[in-house]
Amino acid sequence: MPFPILVVPVAIAVVAVSGALITAIPKIWKILDKRTVAILGAPQTGKTALIRLLRDVDAPDGALPNAVPGDERGRFPLEIKGRTVDFAVPRDLPGSDGLNVAGWKDAFADADHIWYLFRADLIASGDPETTQMMKTHLALFSRWLGAMSGDVPKILLVGTWADAHPNHARHPAQVAREVEDADVVKLGSVKLGGVAVVVGSLATSRDADRLLKGIKNRLQ
């Protein structure tokens, strides 16, 4: 079945930057000093929101603008507190009938860290299209890792949009467990050598702070 292209510009979640969040981001930078991070994931998984959050750490509270074609894509350094991290976000493909495999593979090969974003709410709900798409992506990662020699990138599975799950407001921990227990996540983690999983949201400043703290804790 055809899969959607990667990194299609879409409307993104609203992210408000809190004081706690501004404190958390430099801690990530300290861990990632002089490192390269590739952010990969299907459309509408929060890649643009995450990059803008990291880039605009001092931005005032409020909604982030929608993604613009070609915006926040490619390779670029971000610097906070005098520390630089190189990011790679593969660019779009025209149409919606294929994966940007070449762009993903290049970013994957050059990265020290891979942050793979996926829709936690849809995986927890067992959405078949999202599940199949994630299987395809993780199978590519496994193949690329198997072809590497020497150091390999550290992969982190980042489930976003958990707030869109109907049970998240009352039982966020239960939703997180459903994501972690999903077959595609468990089997993918095993094939990739036991990668870590973070589940959360970028919908509010509090959500974003928790998600970034989860990322930071699993980078150490």
Protein backbone atom coordinates (compact mmCIF):
# COMPACT_ATOMS: atom_id res chain seq x y z
CA MET A 1 0.00 0.00 0.00
CA PRO A 2 1.25 3.53 -0.66
CA PHE A 3 2.52 5.44 2.32
CA PRO A 4 2.37 9.20 2.87
CA ILE A 5 5.47 11.24 2.12
CA LEU A 6 7.65 12.38 4.94
CA VAL A 7 7.63 15.77 6.54
CA VAL A 8 4.64 17.21 4.68
CA PRO A 9 3.94 20.78 5.90
CA VAL A 10 0.86 20.61 8.09
CA ALA A 11 -0.82 22.49 10.89
CA ILE A 12 1.00 21.75 14.13
CA ALA A 13 0.09 21.58 17.77
CA VAL A 14 0.02 24.71 19.88
CA VAL A 15 3.05 24.98 22.14
CA ALA A 16 3.37 27.52 24.92
CA VAL A 17 6.89 27.93 26.32
CA SER A 18 7.03 28.01 30.09
CA GLY A 19 9.84 28.93 32.45
CA ALA A 20 10.34 25.27 33.29
CA LEU A 21 10.64 24.45 29.61
CA ILE A 22 13.27 27.14 29.07
CA THR A 23 15.25 25.52 31.89
CA ALA A 24 14.91 22.02 30.44
CA ILE A 25 16.12 22.75 26.91
CA PRO A 26 19.71 23.81 27.75
CA LYS A 27 20.09 20.56 29.70
CA ILE A 28 19.38 18.66 26.48
CA TRP A 29 21.95 20.80 24.70
CA LYS A 30 24.57 20.00 27.34
CA ILE A 31 24.12 16.28 26.76
CA LEU A 32 24.10 16.68 22.96
CA ASP A 33 27.05 19.08 22.72
CA LYS A 34 28.80 18.69 19.35
CA ARG A 35 26.37 15.98 18.29
CA THR A 36 24.09 15.46 15.31
CA VAL A 37 20.40 14.66 15.75
CA ALA A 38 18.14 13.43 12.94
CA ILE A 39 14.43 14.00 13.53
CA LEU A 40 12.40 11.54 11.47
CA GLY A 41 8.73 10.72 11.35
CA ALA A 42 5.58 10.69 9.26
CA PRO A 43 3.54 13.83 8.55
CA GLN A 44 1.66 15.41 11.46
CA THR A 45 3.79 13.85 14.18
CA GLY A 46 5.12 17.13 15.62
CA LYS A 47 8.55 17.45 13.99
CA THR A 48 8.09 21.11 13.12
CA ALA A 49 6.66 21.91 16.55
CA LEU A 50 9.60 20.25 18.27
CA ILE A 51 12.22 22.00 16.13
CA ARG A 52 10.61 25.42 16.60
CA LEU A 53 10.36 24.82 20.30
CA LEU A 54 14.07 24.05 20.49
CA ARG A 55 14.97 26.89 18.16
CA ASP A 56 12.77 29.56 19.75
CA VAL A 57 13.40 28.82 23.40
CA ASP A 58 12.90 32.47 24.38
CA ALA A 59 9.70 32.92 22.40
CA PRO A 60 6.71 34.27 24.35
CA ASP A 61 3.77 32.06 25.21
CA GLY A 62 1.32 31.61 22.39
CA ALA A 63 0.53 29.57 19.30
CA LEU A 64 3.23 28.61 16.86
CA PRO A 65 2.49 29.41 13.20
CA ASN A 66 1.68 26.67 10.75
CA ALA A 67 4.54 25.00 8.88
CA VAL A 68 5.57 26.61 5.60
CA PRO A 69 6.77 24.49 2.64
CA GLY A 70 10.48 23.90 3.09
CA ASP A 71 10.51 25.57 6.51
CA GLU A 72 12.50 23.96 9.35
CA ARG A 73 13.88 21.36 6.94
CA GLY A 74 17.34 20.33 5.83
CA ARG A 75 20.46 20.54 7.97
CA PHE A 76 21.14 23.36 10.36
CA PRO A 77 22.88 24.05 13.68
CA LEU A 78 21.04 25.28 16.74
CA GLU A 79 22.94 27.01 19.51
CA ILE A 80 21.91 27.62 23.12
CA LYS A 81 24.22 28.67 25.92
CA GLY A 82 27.19 28.51 23.57
CA ARG A 83 26.61 24.87 22.69
CA THR A 84 25.85 23.74 19.16
CA VAL A 85 23.87 20.75 17.95
CA ASP A 86 23.51 19.90 14.27
CA PHE A 87 19.99 18.85 13.27
CA ALA A 88 18.89 17.02 10.15
CA VAL A 89 15.23 17.02 9.09
CA PRO A 90 14.66 15.47 5.64
CA ARG A 91 12.82 17.66 3.16
CA ASP A 92 9.49 16.95 1.53
CA LEU A 93 8.79 14.99 -1.60
CA PRO A 94 6.21 16.23 -4.10
CA GLY A 95 2.97 14.30 -4.03
CA SER A 96 1.97 11.71 -1.48
CA ASP A 97 2.87 8.37 -3.02
CA GLY A 98 6.29 7.57 -1.64
CA LEU A 99 8.82 7.74 1.17
CA ASN A 100 11.80 10.07 1.11
CA VAL A 101 14.03 7.06 1.66
CA ALA A 102 17.20 8.70 0.34
CA GLY A 103 16.79 11.75 2.58
CA TRP A 104 16.06 9.62 5.65
CA LYS A 105 18.97 7.26 4.94
CA ASP A 106 21.46 10.12 4.60
CA ALA A 107 20.25 11.76 7.81
CA PHE A 108 20.30 8.40 9.61
CA ALA A 109 23.84 7.58 8.50
CA ASP A 110 25.27 10.91 9.66
CA ALA A 111 23.49 11.14 13.03
CA ASP A 112 24.63 10.36 16.55
CA HIS A 113 21.01 10.38 17.73
CA ILE A 114 17.76 9.51 15.91
CA TRP A 115 14.52 10.89 17.30
CA TYR A 116 11.69 9.03 15.57
CA LEU A 117 8.34 10.75 16.15
CA PHE A 118 5.07 8.87 15.79
CA ARG A 119 1.40 9.36 16.67
CA ALA A 120 1.04 7.82 20.12
CA ASP A 121 -2.74 8.18 20.12
CA LEU A 122 -3.14 6.22 16.88
CA ILE A 123 -0.69 3.50 17.87
CA ALA A 124 -2.42 3.05 21.24
CA SER A 125 -5.76 2.81 19.41
CA GLY A 126 -4.41 0.22 16.98
CA ASP A 127 -4.92 2.31 13.85
CA PRO A 128 -3.91 -0.11 11.05
CA GLU A 129 -2.46 2.44 8.61
CA THR A 130 -0.34 4.15 11.26
CA THR A 131 0.81 0.81 12.62
CA GLN A 132 1.85 -0.45 9.18
CA MET A 133 3.64 2.79 8.42
CA MET A 134 5.61 2.60 11.67
CA LYS A 135 6.53 -1.03 10.92
CA THR A 136 7.90 0.08 7.56
CA HIS A 137 9.95 2.89 9.08
CA LEU A 138 11.43 0.75 11.85
CA ALA A 139 12.23 -2.02 9.37
CA LEU A 140 14.25 0.52 7.38
CA PHE A 141 16.10 1.55 10.54
CA SER A 142 16.90 -2.09 11.32
CA ARG A 143 18.22 -2.64 7.79
CA TRP A 144 20.40 0.48 7.92
CA LEU A 145 21.78 -0.42 11.34
CA GLY A 146 22.65 -3.90 10.08
CA ALA A 147 24.68 -2.41 7.24
CA MET A 148 26.71 -0.14 9.52
CA SER A 149 30.12 -0.81 10.95
CA GLY A 150 31.60 0.94 13.97
CA ASP A 151 29.51 3.39 15.98
CA VAL A 152 25.77 3.39 15.30
CA PRO A 153 23.24 6.11 16.18
CA LYS A 154 21.25 5.95 19.39
CA ILE A 155 17.56 5.69 18.51
CA LEU A 156 14.74 7.11 20.60
CA LEU A 157 11.06 6.47 19.79
CA VAL A 158 9.06 9.59 20.66
CA GLY A 159 5.28 9.17 20.77
CA THR A 160 3.50 12.52 20.36
CA TRP A 161 -0.17 13.54 20.29
CA ALA A 162 -0.90 11.39 23.34
CA ASP A 163 -3.33 14.14 24.39
CA ALA A 164 -5.51 13.24 21.39
CA HIS A 165 -6.26 9.83 22.88
CA PRO A 166 -9.74 9.87 24.54
CA ASN A 167 -8.39 8.44 27.81
CA HIS A 168 -5.33 10.65 28.14
CA ALA A 169 -6.89 13.41 30.23
CA ARG A 170 -7.88 11.01 33.03
CA HIS A 171 -5.34 8.21 32.56
CA PRO A 172 -2.14 9.48 30.86
CA ALA A 173 0.01 6.72 32.37
CA GLN A 174 -2.36 4.07 31.03
CA VAL A 175 -2.17 5.55 27.52
CA ALA A 176 1.63 5.56 27.74
CA ARG A 177 1.59 1.88 28.73
CA GLU A 178 -0.72 1.05 25.83
CA VAL A 179 1.75 2.67 23.46
CA GLU A 180 4.74 0.90 24.98
CA ASP A 181 2.88 -2.44 24.92
CA ALA A 182 1.78 -2.11 21.28
CA ASP A 183 3.27 -4.92 19.20
CA VAL A 184 4.82 -2.57 16.66
CA VAL A 185 6.63 -0.68 19.42
CA LYS A 186 7.80 -3.75 21.34
CA LEU A 187 8.94 -5.68 18.27
CA GLY A 188 10.52 -2.59 16.74
CA SER A 189 12.42 -1.91 19.93
CA VAL A 190 13.78 -5.47 19.98
CA LYS A 191 14.85 -5.35 16.32
CA LEU A 192 16.65 -2.07 16.94
CA GLY A 193 18.54 -3.39 19.94
CA GLY A 194 16.27 -2.31 22.78
CA VAL A 195 15.62 1.36 22.06
CA ALA A 196 13.93 3.64 24.59
CA VAL A 197 10.39 4.99 24.21
CA VAL A 198 9.03 8.37 25.35
CA VAL A 199 5.31 9.14 25.20
CA GLY A 200 3.79 12.58 25.59
CA SER A 201 2.47 15.66 23.84
CA LEU A 202 3.41 19.12 22.61
CA ALA A 203 -0.06 20.57 23.11
CA THR A 204 0.76 22.78 26.13
CA SER A 205 3.85 24.14 27.86
CA ARG A 206 3.44 21.59 30.65
CA ASP A 207 3.10 18.73 28.16
CA ALA A 208 6.11 19.91 26.17
CA ASP A 209 8.19 20.24 29.33
CA ARG A 210 7.39 16.67 30.35
CA LEU A 211 8.16 15.33 26.88
CA LEU A 212 11.51 17.12 26.70
CA LYS A 213 12.41 15.93 30.18
CA GLY A 214 11.62 12.38 29.04
CA ILE A 215 13.88 12.81 26.03
CA LYS A 216 16.66 14.25 28.20
CA ASN A 217 16.45 11.42 30.75
CA ARG A 218 16.84 8.79 28.03
CA LEU A 219 19.82 10.54 26.43
CA GLN A 220 21.96 10.15 29.52
